[in-house]
Amino acid sequence: MKQAIIPLEFAAASTATGMSPGIKSGNFIFVTGMAGGDLEGVMPDEPETQFRNAFDKIGAVLNEAGVGFYDVVEMTSYHVGLREHFEIFDSIRLEYLAEPYPAWTAVEVAGLRREGAIVEIRVVATGGA
């Protein structure tokens, strides 16, 4: 059995895109890839702001599921220009995640769906209400 995880601030976007921000299935929460746009859909130019926006949106989905960043067991990040911004991304990642760190794969891509996006992050977490 699966259950959609849709924080209130994602409801309109979820309906418009026909996609759940997160899905709870069994004891796992699967969070859709989050790009760095803000909740109004504005894509900032600054990499640091994009990274924080993406992690903050992931946090909102995790919170709605009754878990937090500590419960993340796997993360995949997709980057446009990975080498140009890896150090700042990594430092921000460590502000959100703590030991034991989740498994992580970082992938360089040619582009992402959202114009101007340089990162998209998806996670899998355990637990939840």
C-alpha atoms as a PDB file:
ATOM      1  CA  MET A   1       0.000   0.000   0.000  1.00  0.00           C
ATOM      2  CA  LYS A   2       1.269   3.486  -0.777  1.00  0.00           C
ATOM      3  CA  GLN A   3       0.268   6.903   0.504  1.00  0.00           C
ATOM      4  CA  ALA A   4       0.959  10.310  -1.047  1.00  0.00           C
ATOM      5  CA  ILE A   5       2.882  12.771   1.130  1.00  0.00           C
ATOM      6  CA  ILE A   6       1.771  16.278   0.132  1.00  0.00           C
ATOM      7  CA  PRO A   7       2.609  19.220   2.419  1.00  0.00           C
ATOM      8  CA  LEU A   8       0.046  22.028   2.130  1.00  0.00           C
ATOM      9  CA  GLU A   9       2.569  24.344   0.448  1.00  0.00           C
ATOM     10  CA  PHE A  10       2.999  21.745  -2.346  1.00  0.00           C
ATOM     11  CA  ALA A  11      -0.701  21.017  -2.952  1.00  0.00           C
ATOM     12  CA  ALA A  12      -1.208  23.307  -5.962  1.00  0.00           C
ATOM     13  CA  ALA A  13       2.021  22.209  -7.671  1.00  0.00           C
ATOM     14  CA  SER A  14       1.210  18.563  -6.983  1.00  0.00           C
ATOM     15  CA  THR A  15      -2.198  18.924  -8.622  1.00  0.00           C
ATOM     16  CA  ALA A  16      -0.798  20.896 -11.581  1.00  0.00           C
ATOM     17  CA  THR A  17       1.971  18.384 -12.289  1.00  0.00           C
ATOM     18  CA  GLY A  18       0.085  15.203 -11.405  1.00  0.00           C
ATOM     19  CA  MET A  19       2.958  14.197  -9.140  1.00  0.00           C
ATOM     20  CA  SER A  20       3.332  13.517  -5.416  1.00  0.00           C
ATOM     21  CA  PRO A  21       6.164  15.324  -3.584  1.00  0.00           C
ATOM     22  CA  GLY A  22       6.609  12.138  -1.599  1.00  0.00           C
ATOM     23  CA  ILE A  23       5.260   8.610  -1.344  1.00  0.00           C
ATOM     24  CA  LYS A  24       5.191   6.412   1.736  1.00  0.00           C
ATOM     25  CA  SER A  25       5.405   2.737   0.851  1.00  0.00           C
ATOM     26  CA  GLY A  26       5.938   0.221   3.612  1.00  0.00           C
ATOM     27  CA  ASN A  27       8.517   1.703   5.983  1.00  0.00           C
ATOM     28  CA  PHE A  28      10.057   3.986   3.354  1.00  0.00           C
ATOM     29  CA  ILE A  29       9.423   7.538   2.215  1.00  0.00           C
ATOM     30  CA  PHE A  30      10.465   8.321  -1.356  1.00  0.00           C
ATOM     31  CA  VAL A  31      10.868  12.056  -1.975  1.00  0.00           C
ATOM     32  CA  THR A  32      10.526  13.337  -5.529  1.00  0.00           C
ATOM     33  CA  GLY A  33      13.561  15.115  -6.945  1.00  0.00           C
ATOM     34  CA  MET A  34      13.533  18.702  -5.689  1.00  0.00           C
ATOM     35  CA  ALA A  35      15.149  21.475  -7.710  1.00  0.00           C
ATOM     36  CA  GLY A  36      16.291  24.804  -6.294  1.00  0.00           C
ATOM     37  CA  GLY A  37      13.304  26.977  -7.127  1.00  0.00           C
ATOM     38  CA  ASP A  38      11.435  28.588  -4.248  1.00  0.00           C
ATOM     39  CA  LEU A  39       7.834  27.739  -3.337  1.00  0.00           C
ATOM     40  CA  GLU A  40       6.570  30.476  -5.686  1.00  0.00           C
ATOM     41  CA  GLY A  41       8.415  28.809  -8.564  1.00  0.00           C
ATOM     42  CA  VAL A  42      11.180  31.419  -8.867  1.00  0.00           C
ATOM     43  CA  MET A  43      14.555  29.921  -9.761  1.00  0.00           C
ATOM     44  CA  PRO A  44      17.314  31.970  -8.089  1.00  0.00           C
ATOM     45  CA  ASP A  45      20.593  32.641  -9.890  1.00  0.00           C
ATOM     46  CA  GLU A  46      22.771  31.905  -6.844  1.00  0.00           C
ATOM     47  CA  PRO A  47      23.840  28.253  -6.448  1.00  0.00           C
ATOM     48  CA  GLU A  48      23.808  28.485  -2.647  1.00  0.00           C
ATOM     49  CA  THR A  49      20.180  29.650  -2.632  1.00  0.00           C
ATOM     50  CA  GLN A  50      19.180  26.864  -5.021  1.00  0.00           C
ATOM     51  CA  PHE A  51      20.841  24.243  -2.803  1.00  0.00           C
ATOM     52  CA  ARG A  52      19.165  25.520   0.362  1.00  0.00           C
ATOM     53  CA  ASN A  53      15.771  25.742  -1.364  1.00  0.00           C
ATOM     54  CA  ALA A  54      16.048  22.136  -2.546  1.00  0.00           C
ATOM     55  CA  PHE A  55      17.019  20.851   0.911  1.00  0.00           C
ATOM     56  CA  ASP A  56      14.307  22.965   2.588  1.00  0.00           C
ATOM     57  CA  LYS A  57      11.648  21.509   0.277  1.00  0.00           C
ATOM     58  CA  ILE A  58      12.897  17.987   1.006  1.00  0.00           C
ATOM     59  CA  GLY A  59      12.683  18.817   4.711  1.00  0.00           C
ATOM     60  CA  ALA A  60       9.050  19.915   4.318  1.00  0.00           C
ATOM     61  CA  VAL A  61       8.122  16.588   2.715  1.00  0.00           C
ATOM     62  CA  LEU A  62      10.012  14.616   5.356  1.00  0.00           C
ATOM     63  CA  ASN A  63       8.317  16.627   8.111  1.00  0.00           C
ATOM     64  CA  GLU A  64       4.890  15.966   6.594  1.00  0.00           C
ATOM     65  CA  ALA A  65       5.746  12.246   6.673  1.00  0.00           C
ATOM     66  CA  GLY A  66       6.694  12.483  10.346  1.00  0.00           C
ATOM     67  CA  VAL A  67      10.429  12.017   9.831  1.00  0.00           C
ATOM     68  CA  GLY A  68      13.483  14.224   9.394  1.00  0.00           C
ATOM     69  CA  PHE A  69      16.854  14.397   7.707  1.00  0.00           C
ATOM     70  CA  TYR A  70      18.267  11.923  10.244  1.00  0.00           C
ATOM     71  CA  ASP A  71      15.974   9.287   8.705  1.00  0.00           C
ATOM     72  CA  VAL A  72      17.384   9.725   5.182  1.00  0.00           C
ATOM     73  CA  VAL A  73      19.136   6.518   4.098  1.00  0.00           C
ATOM     74  CA  GLU A  74      19.875   7.342   0.453  1.00  0.00           C
ATOM     75  CA  MET A  75      20.351  10.530  -1.565  1.00  0.00           C
ATOM     76  CA  THR A  76      20.919  11.082  -5.268  1.00  0.00           C
ATOM     77  CA  SER A  77      21.834  14.560  -6.477  1.00  0.00           C
ATOM     78  CA  TYR A  78      21.865  15.629 -10.118  1.00  0.00           C
ATOM     79  CA  HIS A  79      24.066  18.607 -10.979  1.00  0.00           C
ATOM     80  CA  VAL A  80      24.593  20.885 -13.963  1.00  0.00           C
ATOM     81  CA  GLY A  81      28.210  22.031 -13.601  1.00  0.00           C
ATOM     82  CA  LEU A  82      28.998  19.695 -10.714  1.00  0.00           C
ATOM     83  CA  ARG A  83      32.675  20.578 -10.446  1.00  0.00           C
ATOM     84  CA  GLU A  84      32.007  24.326 -10.385  1.00  0.00           C
ATOM     85  CA  HIS A  85      29.782  24.137  -7.312  1.00  0.00           C
ATOM     86  CA  PHE A  86      30.589  20.841  -5.589  1.00  0.00           C
ATOM     87  CA  GLU A  87      32.389  22.340  -2.580  1.00  0.00           C
ATOM     88  CA  ILE A  88      29.559  24.714  -1.686  1.00  0.00           C
ATOM     89  CA  PHE A  89      26.946  22.008  -2.300  1.00  0.00           C
ATOM     90  CA  ASP A  90      28.845  19.618  -0.051  1.00  0.00           C
ATOM     91  CA  SER A  91      29.148  22.183   2.753  1.00  0.00           C
ATOM     92  CA  ILE A  92      25.407  22.915   2.617  1.00  0.00           C
ATOM     93  CA  ARG A  93      24.603  19.176   2.456  1.00  0.00           C
ATOM     94  CA  LEU A  94      26.485  18.734   5.731  1.00  0.00           C
ATOM     95  CA  GLU A  95      24.325  21.431   7.385  1.00  0.00           C
ATOM     96  CA  TYR A  96      21.255  19.240   6.785  1.00  0.00           C
ATOM     97  CA  LEU A  97      22.636  15.714   7.154  1.00  0.00           C
ATOM     98  CA  ALA A  98      24.509  14.169  10.077  1.00  0.00           C
ATOM     99  CA  GLU A  99      26.165  10.892  10.960  1.00  0.00           C
ATOM    100  CA  PRO A 100      25.453   8.242  10.111  1.00  0.00           C
ATOM    101  CA  TYR A 101      25.415   9.875   6.681  1.00  0.00           C
ATOM    102  CA  PRO A 102      23.109   8.403   4.049  1.00  0.00           C
ATOM    103  CA  ALA A 103      24.426   6.637   0.984  1.00  0.00           C
ATOM    104  CA  TRP A 104      24.924   9.306  -1.703  1.00  0.00           C
ATOM    105  CA  THR A 105      25.421   9.395  -5.447  1.00  0.00           C
ATOM    106  CA  ALA A 106      26.185  12.702  -7.202  1.00  0.00           C
ATOM    107  CA  VAL A 107      25.624  12.718 -10.958  1.00  0.00           C
ATOM    108  CA  GLU A 108      26.600  15.380 -13.488  1.00  0.00           C
ATOM    109  CA  VAL A 109      23.875  15.966 -16.087  1.00  0.00           C
ATOM    110  CA  ALA A 110      23.565  18.119 -19.195  1.00  0.00           C
ATOM    111  CA  GLY A 111      20.346  19.728 -18.011  1.00  0.00           C
ATOM    112  CA  LEU A 112      17.327  19.552 -15.740  1.00  0.00           C
ATOM    113  CA  ARG A 113      13.614  20.038 -16.427  1.00  0.00           C
ATOM    114  CA  ARG A 114      13.408  23.471 -14.775  1.00  0.00           C
ATOM    115  CA  GLU A 115      15.067  26.276 -16.727  1.00  0.00           C
ATOM    116  CA  GLY A 116      18.016  27.652 -14.762  1.00  0.00           C
ATOM    117  CA  ALA A 117      18.133  24.760 -12.283  1.00  0.00           C
ATOM    118  CA  ILE A 118      21.613  23.506 -11.461  1.00  0.00           C
ATOM    119  CA  VAL A 119      20.615  20.834  -8.930  1.00  0.00           C
ATOM    120  CA  GLU A 120      17.876  18.323  -8.282  1.00  0.00           C
ATOM    121  CA  ILE A 121      17.957  16.104  -5.192  1.00  0.00           C
ATOM    122  CA  ARG A 122      15.928  13.015  -4.375  1.00  0.00           C
ATOM    123  CA  VAL A 123      16.027  11.052  -1.134  1.00  0.00           C
ATOM    124  CA  VAL A 124      14.725   7.881   0.451  1.00  0.00           C
ATOM    125  CA  ALA A 125      14.015   7.868   4.196  1.00  0.00           C
ATOM    126  CA  THR A 126      12.797   5.287   6.679  1.00  0.00           C
ATOM    127  CA  GLY A 127       9.983   5.498   9.202  1.00  0.00           C
ATOM    128  CA  GLY A 128       7.071   7.875   9.220  1.00  0.00           C
ATOM    129  CA  ALA A 129       3.676   8.212  10.755  1.00  0.00           C
END
